[in-house]
Amino acid sequence: MTYLPTVAAARPAGVTNHTAIYSEANAPASLPRAPTLADAIATGYGTLDLRLDVETRTFWNWMRPPGRPNFSAALLSDIASVQASIRRSFEGCTRPEEHPLRYYVLASRVNGIFNLGGDLGHFADRIRAGDRASLLRYGRMCIEAVHGNAIAFGTPAITIALVQGDALGGGFECALAFDLIIAERRARFGLPEILFNLFPGMGAYSFLSRRIGPVRAEQMIMSGKLYTAAELHEMGIVDVLAEDGEGEHAVREYIARHGRIHNAHRAIYETRRRVNPVTLDELQSVVEVWVDAALNLGQQDLRKMIRLATAQDRRMAGMAPPAHAVAAE
């Protein structure tokens, strides 16, 4: 295999608090003109490792946010920039052989964790401050990233989420937006928001209701239960179940086995999007509901949210069991 490796850039300095991180200046709309895919790989990003397998035209992205592995503004901004780079790289391509990539894969460099979801510390800060605008900005950054994945960036690529550890809250929502979910057996999935009196507002209902129906989607959201990769594979949510440590091999094997019929698979996923679309307007509308619900949380709810965030930090330091367990205390 021939790879174009990344040169990781340093994370932007000077951000010292949640309010600064989520300022309007950091929203995706303010990003400069997107580089090409080659530029993005050569330059690198502070929260992502990028690699292009030239032979199979597979663009690998590994999340590696510093600190708690959640969707920080830095990670969301990097994802938005990479998505813009992908779109720009397809400009002027009229034939399949000209396409810069056929597959896009998102995974994680954090051992045992895909992504733990939203920035709970920021949520609690802004809820206590009654800062609706900041919560809405954050929500919109999330759904713009999720929607980009859901529509394959408006390109003929096939998107794959490789989940090798816990995908909780927004991490689960992120994976649900992809054409395919390939998960190792050790991976666990859950929507713990109900445990602090909130609901997952960045796409869980939209994507789950289309995969398993609204009744079962609501049951999953309201239960707060953790699901194994095997359970979700049985339900049809996880598409490929891989043995532990074999996730990347499973992705490559899937691409090798199905690359010859990429055109058919791509057309099927595009048809799925047209027949049962998840639109940006729908996601934006749900985010408005999520923001209003978040602002209604009481002090006891916020204390549970902070305990969960603290437990996540302890887990990262190797001092505690998985963070979701603490939310139920």
Foldseek 3Di string as FASTA:
>chain_A
DDKLWADADAQDDDDDDQPVQLDPCLFLVNDDQAAALVVCRHHHANFWTWMADQVLQEIEIAGHDPFQFEDGSRNLNSLSSNLSNQVVNCPPPDDPVSRNHAEYEYAYPDPQFGHAYDDLVSLLVCLVVVPLVSLLSVLLSLLVSLVCQLCVSVDLHAYEYEYQHEQEQSSLQSRLSGPAYEYEQRYKYAYQLVLLPAWRQNHQQLSVCLQQNNVVSVVRGNPRDIDTLVRVVVSVRHVHYHHRPCRVVVVVVVCVVCVVVSVVSSVVSNVSCVVRNDDSVNSSVSSVVRSVSSSPGDPVSSVLSVQLVVQSSCVSVVNHPHSSVSSND
